[in-house]
C-alpha cells in the first residue's frame, strides 16, 4: 500500500510539473523566433534559463546585440515585464522586432512560463 501511495504521489507531482510547463496562449507569437529547449536557438535565442539570468548571457552560441549584452541587468520579474511589454523602449537598439505584449495578464503568464524553462 505504501508503495502504491508513493507511486501515485510521484505521478501526481510529475503531472503537475508537466501542466505547469505548458506554454500559455500568449506564447504563440514568440514561437516564430524562440525555442524553449536548451541550446536550441532560432532567429532569437532559446528562452531556456532566461528567467533569472543576466541579459544577453543565457543562450550559449547566440549572437546577442551589443544593446542586449551591454544592458547589464538580470531578467527578474520587473525587467521581464517591462521588456515583454515594450522591448524597444526597455532596451533601445536590441534586435527583437516584436512590438510587445500589451495585456498585463499575458505578460504575467509569459513570465510564469519562462520561469519553468530550467
Protein backbone atom coordinates (compact mmCIF):
# COMPACT_ATOMS: atom_id res chain seq x y z
CA UNK A 1 0.00 0.00 0.00
CA UNK A 2 2.83 2.43 0.85
CA UNK A 3 4.47 1.69 -2.49
CA UNK A 4 1.22 2.38 -4.35
CA UNK A 5 0.77 5.64 -2.47
CA UNK A 6 4.34 6.69 -3.26
CA UNK A 7 3.85 5.85 -6.95
CA UNK A 8 0.59 7.80 -7.04
CA UNK A 9 2.21 10.80 -5.34
CA UNK A 10 5.09 10.75 -7.84
CA UNK A 11 2.67 10.56 -10.75
CA UNK A 12 0.62 13.49 -9.49
CA UNK A 13 3.79 15.51 -8.94
CA UNK A 14 5.03 14.79 -12.46
CA UNK A 15 1.64 15.57 -13.97
CA UNK A 16 1.56 18.89 -12.14
CA UNK A 17 5.03 19.73 -13.37
CA UNK A 18 4.10 18.94 -16.97
CA UNK A 19 0.99 21.10 -16.76
CA UNK A 20 2.95 23.98 -15.22
CA UNK A 21 5.34 23.96 -18.18
CA UNK A 22 2.65 24.14 -20.86
CA UNK A 23 3.02 27.40 -22.77
CA UNK A 24 0.25 29.98 -22.40
CA UNK A 25 -1.67 31.16 -25.46
CA UNK A 26 0.32 34.41 -25.29
CA UNK A 27 3.45 32.40 -26.22
CA UNK A 28 2.14 31.67 -29.73
CA UNK A 29 3.77 34.71 -31.41
CA UNK A 30 7.03 34.01 -29.55
CA UNK A 31 7.34 30.60 -31.23
CA UNK A 32 8.08 32.27 -34.56
CA UNK A 33 11.57 33.19 -33.33
CA UNK A 34 12.22 31.47 -29.99
CA UNK A 35 12.63 27.87 -28.92
CA UNK A 36 12.44 26.70 -25.32
CA UNK A 37 14.90 23.79 -25.37
CA UNK A 38 18.40 24.37 -24.02
CA UNK A 39 20.82 25.24 -26.81
CA UNK A 40 18.11 25.41 -29.48
CA UNK A 41 18.47 28.92 -30.81
CA UNK A 42 16.32 30.15 -33.67
CA UNK A 43 16.09 33.64 -35.11
CA UNK A 44 16.00 34.63 -31.43
CA UNK A 45 17.80 32.97 -28.55
CA UNK A 46 16.50 29.91 -26.74
CA UNK A 47 14.41 31.01 -23.77
CA UNK A 48 15.63 28.10 -21.66
CA UNK A 49 17.15 29.50 -18.47
CA UNK A 50 16.48 33.15 -19.34
CA UNK A 51 14.43 33.94 -16.22
CA UNK A 52 16.90 34.93 -13.51
CA UNK A 53 19.89 35.19 -15.86
CA UNK A 54 21.82 38.30 -16.85
CA UNK A 55 20.53 39.75 -20.12
CA UNK A 56 22.45 38.55 -23.15
CA UNK A 57 24.01 35.51 -21.49
CA UNK A 58 21.52 32.61 -21.23
CA UNK A 59 21.68 31.17 -24.75
CA UNK A 60 25.16 29.87 -25.49
CA UNK A 61 26.16 30.41 -29.10
CA UNK A 62 23.56 33.08 -29.81
CA UNK A 63 24.86 36.41 -31.14
CA UNK A 64 23.10 38.95 -28.95
CA UNK A 65 23.05 42.62 -29.91
CA UNK A 66 25.50 44.95 -28.17
CA UNK A 67 22.45 46.68 -26.66
CA UNK A 68 21.34 43.43 -25.01
CA UNK A 69 24.77 42.40 -23.72
CA UNK A 70 25.51 45.93 -22.55
CA UNK A 71 22.23 46.38 -20.67
CA UNK A 72 23.75 44.70 -17.62
CA UNK A 73 20.52 43.81 -15.85
CA UNK A 74 19.12 40.49 -14.69
CA UNK A 75 15.87 39.08 -16.02
CA UNK A 76 13.83 39.39 -12.83
CA UNK A 77 10.04 39.73 -12.95
CA UNK A 78 10.08 43.53 -13.27
CA UNK A 79 12.66 43.58 -16.09
CA UNK A 80 10.94 40.75 -17.95
CA UNK A 81 7.58 42.53 -17.62
CA UNK A 82 8.97 45.80 -18.95
CA UNK A 83 10.76 44.09 -21.86
CA UNK A 84 7.85 41.85 -22.82
CA UNK A 85 5.51 44.84 -22.82
CA UNK A 86 7.81 47.12 -24.82
CA UNK A 87 11.14 45.66 -25.97
CA UNK A 88 12.32 48.68 -27.99
CA UNK A 89 11.83 51.19 -25.18
CA UNK A 90 13.20 48.89 -22.48
CA UNK A 91 16.43 48.10 -24.33
CA UNK A 92 16.90 50.57 -27.19
CA UNK A 93 18.88 49.05 -30.04
CA UNK A 94 18.01 45.39 -29.30
CA UNK A 95 17.32 43.13 -32.28
CA UNK A 96 13.84 41.86 -31.33
CA UNK A 97 11.30 43.09 -33.89
CA UNK A 98 8.22 42.13 -31.83
CA UNK A 99 6.33 45.25 -30.67
CA UNK A 100 5.42 43.82 -27.27
CA UNK A 101 2.62 42.18 -25.33
CA UNK A 102 0.22 44.84 -24.14
CA UNK A 103 -2.09 42.73 -21.93
CA UNK A 104 -0.64 42.60 -18.36
CA UNK A 105 -2.24 39.17 -17.77
CA UNK A 106 -0.46 37.82 -20.85
CA UNK A 107 2.83 39.31 -19.67
CA UNK A 108 2.37 37.64 -16.27
CA UNK A 109 1.56 34.31 -17.95
CA UNK A 110 4.67 34.56 -20.13
CA UNK A 111 6.88 35.29 -17.12
CA UNK A 112 5.41 32.38 -15.16
CA UNK A 113 6.02 30.09 -18.15
CA UNK A 114 9.59 31.30 -18.67
CA UNK A 115 10.35 30.51 -15.04
CA UNK A 116 9.53 26.84 -15.75
CA UNK A 117 12.16 26.67 -18.51
CA UNK A 118 15.03 25.28 -16.44
